[in-house]
Amino acid sequence: MSEYDQRQLHLMSEYIKEFEQGKLKLESLIDTLEALMVSLQTTPASWKDAFESEWWTLEQLYAVALEQSETNLLSSSRDTIDETIVNMKHLLGEVLSPKAALGV
């Protein structure tokens, strides 16, 4: 995998951390992750498909919240969001080099 893709994957990880810390709204996380996914050049297609599937879960939950005019995500969605974030972090852990994972 290219150094460029490693940087994009590291950014994905950082944005997920910011979301978990409450520094980033779900809408921004979804948009940012989408842009970073599209920019990947040498990451295996199977990994990209798995990550996109998790991203799609967040996109759908957010769309439902908008459709129902929810200012806060439905309480029942919070567990699914948390699970999806854990899955994304696991996927990122599979492809990030130890050097990138440490932020070096």
N, C-alpha and C. Protein backbone atom coordinates (compact mmCIF):
# COMPACT_ATOMS: atom_id res chain seq x y z
N MET A 1 0.84 -1.18 0.00
CA MET A 1 0.00 0.00 0.00
C MET A 1 0.89 1.25 0.00
N SER A 2 0.46 2.25 -0.74
CA SER A 2 1.28 3.46 -0.88
C SER A 2 1.29 4.30 0.40
N GLU A 3 2.32 5.12 0.48
CA GLU A 3 2.43 6.06 1.60
C GLU A 3 1.25 7.04 1.58
N TYR A 4 0.83 7.41 0.40
CA TYR A 4 -0.33 8.31 0.26
C TYR A 4 -1.56 7.68 0.91
N ASP A 5 -1.84 6.42 0.59
CA ASP A 5 -3.00 5.75 1.17
C ASP A 5 -2.86 5.61 2.68
N GLN A 6 -1.64 5.33 3.14
CA GLN A 6 -1.42 5.25 4.58
C GLN A 6 -1.79 6.57 5.26
N ARG A 7 -1.44 7.68 4.64
CA ARG A 7 -1.80 8.99 5.22
C ARG A 7 -3.32 9.18 5.24
N GLN A 8 -3.99 8.77 4.17
CA GLN A 8 -5.44 8.92 4.12
C GLN A 8 -6.10 8.05 5.19
N LEU A 9 -5.60 6.85 5.35
CA LEU A 9 -6.14 5.93 6.36
C LEU A 9 -5.89 6.46 7.76
N HIS A 10 -4.72 7.06 7.97
CA HIS A 10 -4.42 7.67 9.26
C HIS A 10 -5.39 8.83 9.53
N LEU A 11 -5.66 9.62 8.52
CA LEU A 11 -6.63 10.72 8.68
C LEU A 11 -8.02 10.17 9.04
N MET A 12 -8.41 9.07 8.41
CA MET A 12 -9.70 8.44 8.76
C MET A 12 -9.73 8.11 10.24
N SER A 13 -8.65 7.51 10.70
CA SER A 13 -8.55 7.14 12.11
C SER A 13 -8.65 8.37 13.01
N GLU A 14 -7.98 9.43 12.64
CA GLU A 14 -8.00 10.67 13.42
C GLU A 14 -9.41 11.28 13.47
N TYR A 15 -10.09 11.30 12.34
CA TYR A 15 -11.45 11.86 12.32
C TYR A 15 -12.41 11.02 13.16
N ILE A 16 -12.23 9.71 13.14
CA ILE A 16 -13.06 8.85 13.98
C ILE A 16 -12.81 9.16 15.45
N LYS A 17 -11.55 9.37 15.83
CA LYS A 17 -11.23 9.74 17.22
C LYS A 17 -11.89 11.06 17.59
N GLU A 18 -11.84 12.02 16.68
CA GLU A 18 -12.48 13.31 16.96
C GLU A 18 -13.99 13.15 17.15
N PHE A 19 -14.60 12.30 16.36
CA PHE A 19 -16.03 12.04 16.52
C PHE A 19 -16.31 11.43 17.89
N GLU A 20 -15.50 10.46 18.26
CA GLU A 20 -15.69 9.80 19.56
C GLU A 20 -15.52 10.77 20.72
N GLN A 21 -14.66 11.76 20.54
CA GLN A 21 -14.42 12.76 21.58
C GLN A 21 -15.46 13.88 21.57
N GLY A 22 -16.40 13.81 20.63
CA GLY A 22 -17.44 14.82 20.55
C GLY A 22 -17.00 16.09 19.85
N LYS A 23 -15.86 16.06 19.18
CA LYS A 23 -15.34 17.23 18.48
C LYS A 23 -15.84 17.34 17.05
N LEU A 24 -16.50 16.30 16.56
CA LEU A 24 -16.94 16.24 15.17
C LEU A 24 -18.35 15.66 15.13
N LYS A 25 -19.22 16.31 14.37
CA LYS A 25 -20.58 15.81 14.23
C LYS A 25 -20.62 14.64 13.25
N LEU A 26 -21.65 13.80 13.39
CA LEU A 26 -21.77 12.63 12.54
C LEU A 26 -21.80 13.02 11.06
N GLU A 27 -22.52 14.05 10.72
CA GLU A 27 -22.59 14.49 9.32
C GLU A 27 -21.20 14.79 8.76
N SER A 28 -20.39 15.48 9.54
CA SER A 28 -19.03 15.81 9.10
C SER A 28 -18.17 14.57 8.98
N LEU A 29 -18.33 13.64 9.93
CA LEU A 29 -17.57 12.39 9.86
C LEU A 29 -17.93 11.62 8.60
N ILE A 30 -19.20 11.51 8.31
CA ILE A 30 -19.66 10.79 7.12
C ILE A 30 -19.08 11.41 5.85
N ASP A 31 -19.18 12.73 5.73
CA ASP A 31 -18.67 13.42 4.54
C ASP A 31 -17.16 13.28 4.40
N THR A 32 -16.45 13.42 5.50
CA THR A 32 -15.00 13.34 5.47
C THR A 32 -14.53 11.93 5.13
N LEU A 33 -15.14 10.94 5.76
CA LEU A 33 -14.75 9.55 5.47
C LEU A 33 -15.02 9.20 4.01
N GLU A 34 -16.13 9.70 3.48
CA GLU A 34 -16.44 9.43 2.08
C GLU A 34 -15.35 10.01 1.17
N ALA A 35 -14.97 11.25 1.42
CA ALA A 35 -13.94 11.89 0.59
C ALA A 35 -12.61 11.14 0.70
N LEU A 36 -12.27 10.71 1.89
CA LEU A 36 -11.01 9.98 2.06
C LEU A 36 -11.08 8.60 1.41
N MET A 37 -12.22 7.93 1.49
CA MET A 37 -12.38 6.62 0.84
C MET A 37 -12.18 6.74 -0.66
N VAL A 38 -12.80 7.76 -1.25
CA VAL A 38 -12.72 7.96 -2.70
C VAL A 38 -11.27 8.23 -3.13
N SER A 39 -10.49 8.83 -2.25
CA SER A 39 -9.12 9.20 -2.61
C SER A 39 -8.14 8.03 -2.54
N LEU A 40 -8.53 6.93 -1.93
CA LEU A 40 -7.62 5.79 -1.80
C LEU A 40 -7.28 5.22 -3.18
N GLN A 41 -6.00 4.91 -3.37
CA GLN A 41 -5.54 4.46 -4.69
C GLN A 41 -5.03 3.03 -4.71
N THR A 42 -4.38 2.60 -3.65
CA THR A 42 -3.75 1.28 -3.67
C THR A 42 -4.26 0.35 -2.57
N THR A 43 -5.24 0.79 -1.82
CA THR A 43 -5.82 -0.05 -0.77
C THR A 43 -6.63 -1.16 -1.44
N PRO A 44 -6.52 -2.39 -0.94
CA PRO A 44 -7.26 -3.50 -1.55
C PRO A 44 -8.76 -3.24 -1.64
N ALA A 45 -9.33 -3.63 -2.77
CA ALA A 45 -10.77 -3.42 -3.01
C ALA A 45 -11.62 -4.11 -1.94
N SER A 46 -11.19 -5.27 -1.48
CA SER A 46 -11.97 -5.99 -0.47
C SER A 46 -12.04 -5.19 0.82
N TRP A 47 -10.92 -4.53 1.19
CA TRP A 47 -10.92 -3.70 2.39
C TRP A 47 -11.82 -2.48 2.19
N LYS A 48 -11.68 -1.85 1.03
CA LYS A 48 -12.50 -0.66 0.74
C LYS A 48 -13.98 -1.01 0.78
N ASP A 49 -14.35 -2.17 0.25
CA ASP A 49 -15.75 -2.60 0.27
C ASP A 49 -16.25 -2.79 1.70
N ALA A 50 -15.43 -3.41 2.54
CA ALA A 50 -15.82 -3.64 3.93
C ALA A 50 -15.98 -2.31 4.68
N PHE A 51 -15.03 -1.38 4.45
CA PHE A 51 -15.11 -0.08 5.12
C PHE A 51 -16.31 0.71 4.62
N GLU A 52 -16.54 0.65 3.31
CA GLU A 52 -17.68 1.37 2.73
C GLU A 52 -19.00 0.84 3.27
N SER A 53 -19.07 -0.45 3.52
CA SER A 53 -20.28 -1.04 4.10
C SER A 53 -20.56 -0.45 5.49
N GLU A 54 -19.51 -0.30 6.27
CA GLU A 54 -19.67 0.32 7.60
C GLU A 54 -20.05 1.79 7.46
N TRP A 55 -19.39 2.48 6.53
CA TRP A 55 -19.71 3.89 6.28
C TRP A 55 -21.18 4.03 5.88
N TRP A 56 -21.65 3.12 5.04
CA TRP A 56 -23.02 3.16 4.56
C TRP A 56 -24.01 3.04 5.71
N THR A 57 -23.66 2.26 6.73
CA THR A 57 -24.52 2.14 7.92
C THR A 57 -24.69 3.51 8.57
N LEU A 58 -23.59 4.24 8.73
CA LEU A 58 -23.67 5.59 9.32
C LEU A 58 -24.51 6.51 8.44
N GLU A 59 -24.30 6.44 7.14
CA GLU A 59 -25.04 7.27 6.19
C GLU A 59 -26.54 7.02 6.31
N GLN A 60 -26.92 5.76 6.40
CA GLN A 60 -28.35 5.41 6.50
C GLN A 60 -28.95 5.90 7.81
N LEU A 61 -28.24 5.73 8.90
CA LEU A 61 -28.75 6.18 10.20
C LEU A 61 -28.92 7.70 10.21
N TYR A 62 -27.99 8.39 9.62
CA TYR A 62 -28.08 9.84 9.56
C TYR A 62 -29.25 10.27 8.68
N ALA A 63 -29.45 9.59 7.57
CA ALA A 63 -30.57 9.91 6.67
C ALA A 63 -31.90 9.71 7.38
N VAL A 64 -32.02 8.64 8.15
CA VAL A 64 -33.26 8.38 8.89
C VAL A 64 -33.49 9.49 9.92
N ALA A 65 -32.44 9.89 10.61
CA ALA A 65 -32.56 10.96 11.60
C ALA A 65 -33.01 12.27 10.94
N LEU A 66 -32.47 12.58 9.77
CA LEU A 66 -32.88 13.78 9.04
C LEU A 66 -34.34 13.69 8.61
N GLU A 67 -34.69 12.52 8.10
CA GLU A 67 -36.06 12.30 7.62
C GLU A 67 -37.07 12.48 8.75
N GLN A 68 -36.69 12.09 9.93
CA GLN A 68 -37.59 12.19 11.07
C GLN A 68 -37.41 13.49 11.84
N SER A 69 -36.65 14.40 11.24
CA SER A 69 -36.38 15.71 11.84
C SER A 69 -35.82 15.62 13.25
N GLU A 70 -34.95 14.64 13.45
CA GLU A 70 -34.32 14.47 14.75
C GLU A 70 -33.10 15.38 14.83
N THR A 71 -33.05 16.20 15.86
CA THR A 71 -31.85 17.01 16.04
C THR A 71 -30.74 16.17 16.65
N ASN A 72 -31.11 15.25 17.48
CA ASN A 72 -30.15 14.29 18.02
C ASN A 72 -30.50 12.93 17.43
N LEU A 73 -29.49 12.12 17.24
CA LEU A 73 -29.76 10.79 16.70
C LEU A 73 -30.63 10.02 17.67
N LEU A 74 -31.46 9.19 17.09
CA LEU A 74 -32.33 8.38 17.91
C LEU A 74 -31.51 7.57 18.90
N SER A 75 -32.03 7.47 20.13
CA SER A 75 -31.31 6.72 21.16
C SER A 75 -31.02 5.30 20.71
N SER A 76 -31.97 4.71 20.02
CA SER A 76 -31.79 3.33 19.57
C SER A 76 -30.67 3.22 18.52
N SER A 77 -30.36 4.30 17.85
CA SER A 77 -29.30 4.29 16.84
C SER A 77 -27.91 4.40 17.45
N ARG A 78 -27.83 4.90 18.65
CA ARG A 78 -26.51 5.13 19.27
C ARG A 78 -25.69 3.85 19.37
N ASP A 79 -26.34 2.75 19.76
CA ASP A 79 -25.63 1.48 19.87
C ASP A 79 -25.08 1.04 18.51
N THR A 80 -25.89 1.21 17.47
CA THR A 80 -25.46 0.82 16.13
C THR A 80 -24.31 1.72 15.67
N ILE A 81 -24.39 2.99 15.96
CA ILE A 81 -23.31 3.92 15.60
C ILE A 81 -22.02 3.51 16.31
N ASP A 82 -22.12 3.24 17.61
CA ASP A 82 -20.94 2.84 18.37
C ASP A 82 -20.34 1.55 17.82
N GLU A 83 -21.18 0.60 17.49
CA GLU A 83 -20.70 -0.68 16.93
C GLU A 83 -20.03 -0.46 15.58
N THR A 84 -20.61 0.40 14.76
CA THR A 84 -20.05 0.70 13.45
C THR A 84 -18.68 1.37 13.58
N ILE A 85 -18.56 2.28 14.52
CA ILE A 85 -17.28 2.96 14.75
C ILE A 85 -16.22 1.94 15.19
N VAL A 86 -16.59 1.03 16.07
CA VAL A 86 -15.66 -0.02 16.50
C VAL A 86 -15.22 -0.86 15.29
N ASN A 87 -16.16 -1.21 14.43
CA ASN A 87 -15.84 -1.99 13.24
C ASN A 87 -14.88 -1.23 12.32
N MET A 88 -15.12 0.07 12.15
CA MET A 88 -14.25 0.89 11.32
C MET A 88 -12.84 0.95 11.90
N LYS A 89 -12.75 1.12 13.20
CA LYS A 89 -11.44 1.17 13.84
C LYS A 89 -10.70 -0.16 13.67
N HIS A 90 -11.43 -1.25 13.77
CA HIS A 90 -10.83 -2.57 13.57
C HIS A 90 -10.29 -2.69 12.14
N LEU A 91 -11.10 -2.29 11.17
CA LEU A 91 -10.66 -2.34 9.77
C LEU A 91 -9.43 -1.47 9.55
N LEU A 92 -9.42 -0.29 10.12
CA LEU A 92 -8.26 0.59 9.97
C LEU A 92 -7.02 -0.04 10.62
N GLY A 93 -7.21 -0.70 11.75
CA GLY A 93 -6.10 -1.37 12.42
C GLY A 93 -5.49 -2.46 11.56
N GLU A 94 -6.30 -3.06 10.70
CA GLU A 94 -5.81 -4.13 9.82
C GLU A 94 -4.86 -3.60 8.74
N VAL A 95 -5.05 -2.35 8.32
CA VAL A 95 -4.27 -1.84 7.18
C VAL A 95 -3.26 -0.75 7.52
N LEU A 96 -3.41 -0.13 8.66
CA LEU A 96 -2.45 0.91 9.02
C LEU A 96 -1.14 0.27 9.44
N SER A 97 -0.06 0.80 8.92
CA SER A 97 1.24 0.31 9.34
C SER A 97 1.45 0.71 10.80
N PRO A 98 2.24 -0.05 11.54
CA PRO A 98 2.48 0.33 12.95
C PRO A 98 3.00 1.75 13.08
N LYS A 99 3.83 2.18 12.15
CA LYS A 99 4.37 3.53 12.15
C LYS A 99 3.25 4.56 12.02
N ALA A 100 2.32 4.33 11.08
CA ALA A 100 1.21 5.27 10.88
C ALA A 100 0.26 5.24 12.06
N ALA A 101 0.03 4.07 12.62
CA ALA A 101 -0.90 3.94 13.75
C ALA A 101 -0.38 4.72 14.95
N LEU A 102 0.94 4.84 15.08
CA LEU A 102 1.52 5.58 16.18
C LEU A 102 1.60 7.08 15.91
N GLY A 103 1.23 7.47 14.70
CA GLY A 103 1.28 8.88 14.36
C GLY A 103 2.68 9.39 14.09
N VAL A 104 3.60 8.50 13.76
CA VAL A 104 4.99 8.86 13.50
C VAL A 104 5.15 9.39 12.10
